[in-house]
């Protein structure tokens, strides 16, 4: 059987080169996991895929790359929808804190 992971999938979504630090990291948790796990069709599947990512040493870099390149599926323990929402929230400026009026 050929080893596959979401990092090596032939069609995970938009085409973007996977950074070497992700694809060649020897301790990545997706090493040897069937790619289909990371493209779940049910909520149980999402939970199973996210479990693979738990504690992975490249989880943050994986999630950031998937967010930046618009990947589909589970990357860095997040769904595409979660990454889109996080990116959208990061572009909305936080409201200015309300400062109490000081009486003279």
Protein backbone atom coordinates (compact mmCIF):
# COMPACT_ATOMS: atom_id res chain seq x y z
CA UNK A 1 0.00 0.00 0.00
CA UNK A 2 1.25 3.46 -0.87
CA UNK A 3 1.61 5.79 2.10
CA UNK A 4 -0.71 8.77 1.84
CA UNK A 5 -1.47 11.76 3.99
CA UNK A 6 -3.39 15.01 3.51
CA UNK A 7 -0.07 16.65 2.78
CA UNK A 8 0.41 14.43 -0.27
CA UNK A 9 -3.16 14.12 -1.53
CA UNK A 10 -3.42 14.61 -5.28
CA UNK A 11 -6.54 16.78 -5.09
CA UNK A 12 -7.11 18.33 -1.63
CA UNK A 13 -8.52 21.54 -3.10
CA UNK A 14 -6.77 24.53 -4.63
CA UNK A 15 -3.32 23.65 -5.93
CA UNK A 16 -0.55 25.06 -3.76
CA UNK A 17 2.89 23.68 -3.02
CA UNK A 18 3.04 22.06 0.41
CA UNK A 19 5.90 23.46 2.50
CA UNK A 20 8.75 21.02 3.03
CA UNK A 21 8.52 21.39 6.81
CA UNK A 22 5.03 19.87 6.62
CA UNK A 23 5.49 17.19 4.01
CA UNK A 24 8.78 15.83 5.32
CA UNK A 25 8.36 16.15 9.09
CA UNK A 26 9.04 12.64 10.43
CA UNK A 27 6.79 13.05 13.49
CA UNK A 28 3.67 14.35 11.74
CA UNK A 29 0.64 12.44 12.95
CA UNK A 30 -0.88 11.98 9.49
CA UNK A 31 2.05 9.83 8.40
CA UNK A 32 0.56 6.56 7.13
CA UNK A 33 -3.07 7.63 7.59
CA UNK A 34 -5.37 7.17 4.60
CA UNK A 35 -6.05 10.55 2.99
CA UNK A 36 -9.79 9.90 2.90
CA UNK A 37 -9.86 10.27 6.70
CA UNK A 38 -9.17 13.99 6.25
CA UNK A 39 -12.11 14.52 3.89
CA UNK A 40 -14.93 13.23 6.10
CA UNK A 41 -18.60 13.07 5.13
CA UNK A 42 -20.03 12.99 8.67
CA UNK A 43 -19.54 14.68 12.03
CA UNK A 44 -18.09 11.45 13.40
CA UNK A 45 -15.59 11.50 10.54
CA UNK A 46 -14.64 15.08 11.39
CA UNK A 47 -13.98 14.08 15.00
CA UNK A 48 -11.88 11.10 13.91
CA UNK A 49 -9.79 13.27 11.59
CA UNK A 50 -9.33 15.92 14.25
CA UNK A 51 -8.14 13.25 16.68
CA UNK A 52 -5.29 12.39 14.32
CA UNK A 53 -4.13 16.02 14.51
CA UNK A 54 -4.25 16.22 18.31
CA UNK A 55 -0.77 16.98 19.63
CA UNK A 56 0.86 16.91 16.18
CA UNK A 57 4.12 18.90 16.13
CA UNK A 58 3.21 20.59 12.82
CA UNK A 59 -0.46 21.22 13.61
CA UNK A 60 -0.21 25.01 13.75
CA UNK A 61 1.89 25.29 10.58
CA UNK A 62 -0.45 22.86 8.82
CA UNK A 63 -3.52 24.88 9.81
CA UNK A 64 -1.91 28.17 8.81
CA UNK A 65 -0.88 26.81 5.41
CA UNK A 66 -4.37 25.40 4.76
CA UNK A 67 -5.93 28.72 5.77
CA UNK A 68 -3.61 30.72 3.53
CA UNK A 69 -4.15 28.46 0.53
CA UNK A 70 -7.89 27.74 0.95
CA UNK A 71 -7.60 23.97 1.30
CA UNK A 72 -10.60 21.68 1.74
CA UNK A 73 -10.77 18.97 4.38
CA UNK A 74 -9.27 18.72 7.85
CA UNK A 75 -5.88 20.40 8.20
CA UNK A 76 -4.24 21.16 11.52
CA UNK A 77 -7.31 19.82 13.31
CA UNK A 78 -9.70 22.33 11.72
CA UNK A 79 -12.38 22.19 9.06
CA UNK A 80 -12.39 24.53 6.09
CA UNK A 81 -15.38 26.33 7.59
CA UNK A 82 -13.52 26.89 10.87
CA UNK A 83 -10.51 28.27 9.03
CA UNK A 84 -12.67 30.61 6.96
CA UNK A 85 -14.46 31.86 10.08
CA UNK A 86 -11.15 32.38 11.88
CA UNK A 87 -9.68 34.25 8.92
CA UNK A 88 -12.81 36.41 8.68
CA UNK A 89 -12.72 37.16 12.42
CA UNK A 90 -9.06 38.14 12.15
CA UNK A 91 -9.85 40.74 9.48
CA UNK A 92 -12.57 42.47 11.52
CA UNK A 93 -10.98 45.09 13.77
CA UNK A 94 -11.74 44.73 17.45
CA UNK A 95 -13.93 47.49 18.85
CA UNK A 96 -12.23 50.20 20.83
CA UNK A 97 -12.60 49.62 24.56
CA UNK A 98 -15.08 51.95 26.20
CA UNK A 99 -13.30 54.17 28.66
CA UNK A 100 -15.31 55.45 31.59
CA UNK A 101 -15.75 59.20 31.77
CA UNK A 102 -13.68 60.76 34.51
CA UNK A 103 -15.39 63.45 36.53
CA UNK A 104 -13.26 66.47 37.36
